[in-house]
Amino acid sequence: MTVTRVTAVLLVVGSLMMGPVALAHEGHPHTFMGSVSAVHEHSLDLKATDGRSLTFVVDEKTKISHDKMAMTLADIKRGDRVVVTASEKKHSGGKLIWTALQIRLGTAPAPGSRK
């Protein structure tokens, strides 16, 4: 192999290895699925399918829908199944804050979860 080919291969391999690092930066959207455990005035608590409990800030930019119908935070109830697309941002104290970009309601609540 010539020096040029070796350099090209190293550049390709290096760029492939950097892909996941570049995607893990702050502000990159993440998607979570789960059941709503609580709804607050400006936030939503979620019990994710992976077992984590997460809180998402809901602001005026958050789009909430069920199928193609627009909804509001008041339409979401405890036990509803949702898919949340959110961005993360580190608070000045170092704590992660999740802001919901989009909340999509599922078709039915998890069995026995609405009370």
N, C-alpha and C. Protein backbone atom coordinates (compact mmCIF):
# COMPACT_ATOMS: atom_id res chain seq x y z
N MET A 1 0.83 -1.18 0.00
CA MET A 1 0.00 0.00 0.00
C MET A 1 0.88 1.24 0.00
N THR A 2 0.45 2.21 -0.72
CA THR A 2 1.20 3.46 -0.75
C THR A 2 0.83 4.31 0.47
N VAL A 3 1.64 5.31 0.72
CA VAL A 3 1.42 6.20 1.85
C VAL A 3 0.07 6.91 1.71
N THR A 4 -0.30 7.27 0.49
CA THR A 4 -1.56 7.95 0.25
C THR A 4 -2.74 7.05 0.61
N ARG A 5 -2.68 5.78 0.24
CA ARG A 5 -3.76 4.85 0.57
C ARG A 5 -3.85 4.63 2.07
N VAL A 6 -2.72 4.48 2.72
CA VAL A 6 -2.70 4.29 4.17
C VAL A 6 -3.32 5.51 4.86
N THR A 7 -2.95 6.68 4.41
CA THR A 7 -3.51 7.91 4.98
C THR A 7 -5.01 7.97 4.76
N ALA A 8 -5.47 7.63 3.56
CA ALA A 8 -6.90 7.64 3.26
C ALA A 8 -7.65 6.66 4.15
N VAL A 9 -7.11 5.46 4.32
CA VAL A 9 -7.76 4.45 5.16
C VAL A 9 -7.82 4.95 6.60
N LEU A 10 -6.76 5.52 7.10
CA LEU A 10 -6.74 6.04 8.47
C LEU A 10 -7.74 7.18 8.65
N LEU A 11 -7.88 8.03 7.67
CA LEU A 11 -8.86 9.11 7.74
C LEU A 11 -10.29 8.57 7.77
N VAL A 12 -10.57 7.58 6.96
CA VAL A 12 -11.91 6.99 6.93
C VAL A 12 -12.22 6.31 8.26
N VAL A 13 -11.29 5.50 8.75
CA VAL A 13 -11.49 4.80 10.02
C VAL A 13 -11.65 5.82 11.16
N GLY A 14 -10.83 6.84 11.17
CA GLY A 14 -10.91 7.87 12.20
C GLY A 14 -12.24 8.60 12.18
N SER A 15 -12.73 8.93 11.00
CA SER A 15 -14.00 9.64 10.91
C SER A 15 -15.16 8.76 11.33
N LEU A 16 -15.10 7.46 11.03
CA LEU A 16 -16.15 6.54 11.48
C LEU A 16 -16.16 6.40 12.99
N MET A 17 -15.00 6.42 13.59
CA MET A 17 -14.91 6.31 15.05
C MET A 17 -15.41 7.58 15.73
N MET A 18 -15.33 8.72 15.09
CA MET A 18 -15.76 9.97 15.69
C MET A 18 -17.26 10.21 15.54
N GLY A 19 -17.94 9.45 14.69
CA GLY A 19 -19.37 9.63 14.47
C GLY A 19 -20.19 9.59 15.75
N PRO A 20 -20.08 8.53 16.57
CA PRO A 20 -20.87 8.49 17.79
C PRO A 20 -20.53 9.61 18.76
N VAL A 21 -19.31 10.05 18.79
CA VAL A 21 -18.92 11.15 19.67
C VAL A 21 -19.60 12.43 19.22
N ALA A 22 -19.63 12.66 17.94
CA ALA A 22 -20.25 13.87 17.41
C ALA A 22 -21.75 13.88 17.66
N LEU A 23 -22.41 12.72 17.64
CA LEU A 23 -23.85 12.66 17.85
C LEU A 23 -24.24 12.77 19.31
N ALA A 24 -23.32 12.63 20.23
CA ALA A 24 -23.63 12.63 21.64
C ALA A 24 -23.57 14.03 22.27
N HIS A 25 -23.47 15.07 21.48
CA HIS A 25 -23.36 16.41 22.02
C HIS A 25 -24.69 16.91 22.56
N GLU A 26 -24.61 17.92 23.40
CA GLU A 26 -25.78 18.54 23.98
C GLU A 26 -26.70 19.07 22.89
N GLY A 27 -28.00 18.96 23.11
CA GLY A 27 -28.95 19.48 22.15
C GLY A 27 -29.38 18.48 21.10
N HIS A 28 -28.70 17.35 21.01
CA HIS A 28 -29.07 16.32 20.04
C HIS A 28 -30.35 15.63 20.51
N PRO A 29 -31.36 15.48 19.66
CA PRO A 29 -32.63 14.88 20.08
C PRO A 29 -32.48 13.40 20.46
N HIS A 30 -33.16 13.01 21.52
CA HIS A 30 -33.22 11.63 21.97
C HIS A 30 -34.69 11.23 22.05
N THR A 31 -34.99 9.96 21.84
CA THR A 31 -36.36 9.49 21.88
C THR A 31 -36.54 8.50 23.02
N PHE A 32 -37.63 8.67 23.77
CA PHE A 32 -37.96 7.81 24.90
C PHE A 32 -39.39 7.32 24.76
N MET A 33 -39.62 6.06 25.12
CA MET A 33 -40.97 5.50 25.12
C MET A 33 -41.29 5.05 26.54
N GLY A 34 -42.57 5.18 26.92
CA GLY A 34 -42.95 4.71 28.24
C GLY A 34 -44.34 5.17 28.61
N SER A 35 -44.63 5.05 29.92
CA SER A 35 -45.94 5.44 30.46
C SER A 35 -45.78 6.68 31.32
N VAL A 36 -46.76 7.56 31.23
CA VAL A 36 -46.76 8.79 32.00
C VAL A 36 -47.00 8.44 33.47
N SER A 37 -46.11 8.89 34.35
CA SER A 37 -46.32 8.65 35.78
C SER A 37 -46.90 9.87 36.48
N ALA A 38 -46.74 11.06 35.91
CA ALA A 38 -47.34 12.28 36.46
C ALA A 38 -47.29 13.39 35.42
N VAL A 39 -48.29 14.27 35.51
CA VAL A 39 -48.33 15.46 34.65
C VAL A 39 -48.38 16.67 35.57
N HIS A 40 -47.49 17.63 35.33
CA HIS A 40 -47.42 18.85 36.13
C HIS A 40 -47.74 20.03 35.21
N GLU A 41 -47.75 21.23 35.76
CA GLU A 41 -48.11 22.42 34.98
C GLU A 41 -47.19 22.63 33.78
N HIS A 42 -45.88 22.41 33.96
CA HIS A 42 -44.93 22.65 32.87
C HIS A 42 -43.96 21.49 32.67
N SER A 43 -44.36 20.29 33.11
CA SER A 43 -43.47 19.14 32.94
C SER A 43 -44.26 17.84 32.95
N LEU A 44 -43.56 16.79 32.56
CA LEU A 44 -44.16 15.47 32.43
C LEU A 44 -43.17 14.46 32.99
N ASP A 45 -43.64 13.56 33.86
CA ASP A 45 -42.80 12.50 34.39
C ASP A 45 -43.09 11.22 33.61
N LEU A 46 -42.04 10.51 33.23
CA LEU A 46 -42.19 9.31 32.41
C LEU A 46 -41.47 8.14 33.04
N LYS A 47 -42.12 6.99 33.06
CA LYS A 47 -41.47 5.74 33.42
C LYS A 47 -41.16 5.08 32.08
N ALA A 48 -39.89 5.16 31.69
CA ALA A 48 -39.46 4.67 30.38
C ALA A 48 -39.49 3.14 30.33
N THR A 49 -39.56 2.61 29.13
CA THR A 49 -39.60 1.16 28.95
C THR A 49 -38.33 0.48 29.43
N ASP A 50 -37.23 1.24 29.54
CA ASP A 50 -35.98 0.66 30.04
C ASP A 50 -35.88 0.75 31.57
N GLY A 51 -36.95 1.23 32.23
CA GLY A 51 -36.99 1.29 33.68
C GLY A 51 -36.60 2.62 34.30
N ARG A 52 -36.05 3.52 33.50
CA ARG A 52 -35.65 4.83 34.03
C ARG A 52 -36.87 5.71 34.27
N SER A 53 -36.77 6.57 35.28
CA SER A 53 -37.78 7.60 35.52
C SER A 53 -37.17 8.92 35.07
N LEU A 54 -37.89 9.61 34.20
CA LEU A 54 -37.38 10.85 33.62
C LEU A 54 -38.42 11.95 33.74
N THR A 55 -37.96 13.19 33.84
CA THR A 55 -38.84 14.35 33.83
C THR A 55 -38.47 15.22 32.64
N PHE A 56 -39.50 15.65 31.91
CA PHE A 56 -39.31 16.48 30.73
C PHE A 56 -39.98 17.83 30.93
N VAL A 57 -39.27 18.90 30.66
CA VAL A 57 -39.85 20.24 30.67
C VAL A 57 -40.69 20.35 29.41
N VAL A 58 -41.90 20.88 29.56
CA VAL A 58 -42.80 21.10 28.43
C VAL A 58 -42.99 22.61 28.31
N ASP A 59 -42.63 23.17 27.15
CA ASP A 59 -42.76 24.61 26.94
C ASP A 59 -43.65 24.89 25.74
N GLU A 60 -43.73 26.17 25.37
CA GLU A 60 -44.61 26.57 24.26
C GLU A 60 -44.16 26.01 22.91
N LYS A 61 -42.92 25.56 22.80
CA LYS A 61 -42.42 25.00 21.55
C LYS A 61 -42.69 23.50 21.43
N THR A 62 -43.07 22.85 22.54
CA THR A 62 -43.32 21.41 22.53
C THR A 62 -44.57 21.11 21.71
N LYS A 63 -44.45 20.18 20.75
CA LYS A 63 -45.59 19.77 19.94
C LYS A 63 -46.15 18.48 20.54
N ILE A 64 -47.44 18.50 20.85
CA ILE A 64 -48.12 17.35 21.44
C ILE A 64 -49.20 16.90 20.48
N SER A 65 -49.22 15.58 20.20
CA SER A 65 -50.22 15.09 19.24
C SER A 65 -50.63 13.67 19.55
N HIS A 66 -51.79 13.32 19.03
CA HIS A 66 -52.30 11.95 19.04
C HIS A 66 -52.76 11.68 17.62
N ASP A 67 -52.13 10.72 16.97
CA ASP A 67 -52.30 10.53 15.53
C ASP A 67 -51.94 11.85 14.85
N LYS A 68 -52.86 12.46 14.12
CA LYS A 68 -52.56 13.73 13.46
C LYS A 68 -53.23 14.91 14.16
N MET A 69 -53.86 14.64 15.32
CA MET A 69 -54.61 15.67 16.03
C MET A 69 -53.73 16.35 17.08
N ALA A 70 -53.71 17.67 17.06
CA ALA A 70 -52.94 18.44 18.04
C ALA A 70 -53.59 18.31 19.41
N MET A 71 -52.76 18.19 20.44
CA MET A 71 -53.24 18.05 21.82
C MET A 71 -52.51 19.07 22.69
N THR A 72 -52.89 19.13 23.96
CA THR A 72 -52.20 19.98 24.92
C THR A 72 -51.73 19.11 26.08
N LEU A 73 -50.92 19.68 26.94
CA LEU A 73 -50.43 18.94 28.11
C LEU A 73 -51.60 18.50 29.00
N ALA A 74 -52.66 19.30 29.04
CA ALA A 74 -53.84 18.96 29.84
C ALA A 74 -54.54 17.70 29.34
N ASP A 75 -54.32 17.33 28.08
CA ASP A 75 -54.94 16.13 27.50
C ASP A 75 -54.22 14.84 27.91
N ILE A 76 -53.03 14.97 28.46
CA ILE A 76 -52.23 13.80 28.83
C ILE A 76 -52.57 13.41 30.26
N LYS A 77 -52.82 12.12 30.47
CA LYS A 77 -53.19 11.60 31.78
C LYS A 77 -52.18 10.56 32.26
N ARG A 78 -52.14 10.37 33.56
CA ARG A 78 -51.29 9.35 34.16
C ARG A 78 -51.65 8.00 33.54
N GLY A 79 -50.62 7.24 33.15
CA GLY A 79 -50.83 5.93 32.54
C GLY A 79 -50.83 5.94 31.02
N ASP A 80 -50.97 7.12 30.41
CA ASP A 80 -50.93 7.18 28.95
C ASP A 80 -49.56 6.72 28.45
N ARG A 81 -49.58 6.01 27.36
CA ARG A 81 -48.32 5.62 26.71
C ARG A 81 -47.93 6.73 25.75
N VAL A 82 -46.66 7.11 25.82
CA VAL A 82 -46.19 8.22 24.99
C VAL A 82 -44.81 7.92 24.43
N VAL A 83 -44.49 8.64 23.37
CA VAL A 83 -43.14 8.68 22.82
C VAL A 83 -42.72 10.13 22.91
N VAL A 84 -41.61 10.37 23.60
CA VAL A 84 -41.12 11.74 23.81
C VAL A 84 -39.79 11.90 23.08
N THR A 85 -39.72 12.92 22.24
CA THR A 85 -38.46 13.31 21.62
C THR A 85 -38.01 14.55 22.37
N ALA A 86 -36.79 14.50 22.93
CA ALA A 86 -36.34 15.59 23.79
C ALA A 86 -34.87 15.92 23.54
N SER A 87 -34.50 17.13 23.93
CA SER A 87 -33.09 17.52 23.87
C SER A 87 -32.61 17.72 25.29
N GLU A 88 -31.32 17.47 25.49
CA GLU A 88 -30.73 17.63 26.82
C GLU A 88 -29.87 18.87 26.88
N LYS A 89 -29.83 19.43 28.06
CA LYS A 89 -28.99 20.60 28.29
C LYS A 89 -28.52 20.53 29.73
N LYS A 90 -27.26 20.83 29.95
CA LYS A 90 -26.75 20.82 31.31
C LYS A 90 -27.07 22.14 31.99
N HIS A 91 -27.68 22.04 33.15
CA HIS A 91 -27.98 23.19 33.98
C HIS A 91 -26.68 23.71 34.56
N SER A 92 -26.66 24.93 35.03
CA SER A 92 -25.42 25.51 35.56
C SER A 92 -24.83 24.67 36.70
N GLY A 93 -25.65 23.93 37.43
CA GLY A 93 -25.17 23.07 38.50
C GLY A 93 -24.68 21.72 38.01
N GLY A 94 -24.73 21.49 36.70
CA GLY A 94 -24.26 20.23 36.12
C GLY A 94 -25.36 19.20 35.92
N LYS A 95 -26.57 19.49 36.40
CA LYS A 95 -27.69 18.56 36.27
C LYS A 95 -28.25 18.61 34.84
N LEU A 96 -28.59 17.43 34.30
CA LEU A 96 -29.19 17.38 32.96
C LEU A 96 -30.65 17.80 33.02
N ILE A 97 -31.04 18.66 32.11
CA ILE A 97 -32.43 19.07 31.97
C ILE A 97 -32.91 18.59 30.61
N TRP A 98 -33.99 17.82 30.60
CA TRP A 98 -34.58 17.34 29.35
C TRP A 98 -35.74 18.25 28.98
N THR A 99 -35.75 18.76 27.75
CA THR A 99 -36.85 19.57 27.25
C THR A 99 -37.53 18.81 26.12
N ALA A 100 -38.83 18.59 26.28
CA ALA A 100 -39.60 17.85 25.28
C ALA A 100 -39.77 18.69 24.02
N LEU A 101 -39.36 18.14 22.89
CA LEU A 101 -39.57 18.78 21.59
C LEU A 101 -40.90 18.32 21.01
N GLN A 102 -41.19 17.03 21.22
CA GLN A 102 -42.42 16.44 20.70
C GLN A 102 -42.89 15.34 21.64
N ILE A 103 -44.21 15.29 21.88
CA ILE A 103 -44.81 14.22 22.66
C ILE A 103 -45.92 13.63 21.80
N ARG A 104 -45.81 12.33 21.55
CA ARG A 104 -46.85 11.64 20.77
C ARG A 104 -47.55 10.65 21.67
N LEU A 105 -48.86 10.80 21.80
CA LEU A 105 -49.65 9.90 22.62
C LEU A 105 -49.92 8.62 21.88
N GLY A 106 -49.90 7.50 22.62
CA GLY A 106 -50.19 6.20 22.04
C GLY A 106 -51.68 5.96 21.96
N THR A 107 -52.04 4.74 21.60
CA THR A 107 -53.44 4.42 21.38
C THR A 107 -54.20 4.10 22.66
N ALA A 108 -53.52 3.55 23.69
CA ALA A 108 -54.23 3.17 24.90
C ALA A 108 -53.27 3.22 26.09
N PRO A 109 -53.84 3.47 27.29
CA PRO A 109 -52.98 3.45 28.47
C PRO A 109 -52.53 2.04 28.79
N ALA A 110 -51.43 1.95 29.52
CA ALA A 110 -50.97 0.63 29.97
C ALA A 110 -52.04 0.03 30.88
N PRO A 111 -52.25 -1.30 30.83
CA PRO A 111 -53.30 -1.93 31.64
C PRO A 111 -53.17 -1.59 33.13
N GLY A 112 -54.28 -1.15 33.73
CA GLY A 112 -54.32 -0.87 35.15
C GLY A 112 -53.52 0.32 35.62
N SER A 113 -53.05 1.18 34.72
CA SER A 113 -52.17 2.28 35.13
C SER A 113 -52.90 3.59 35.37
N ARG A 114 -54.12 3.76 34.84
CA ARG A 114 -54.86 4.99 35.04
C ARG A 114 -55.71 4.86 36.29
N LYS A 115 -55.54 5.81 37.20
CA LYS A 115 -56.31 5.77 38.46
C LYS A 115 -56.84 7.12 38.78
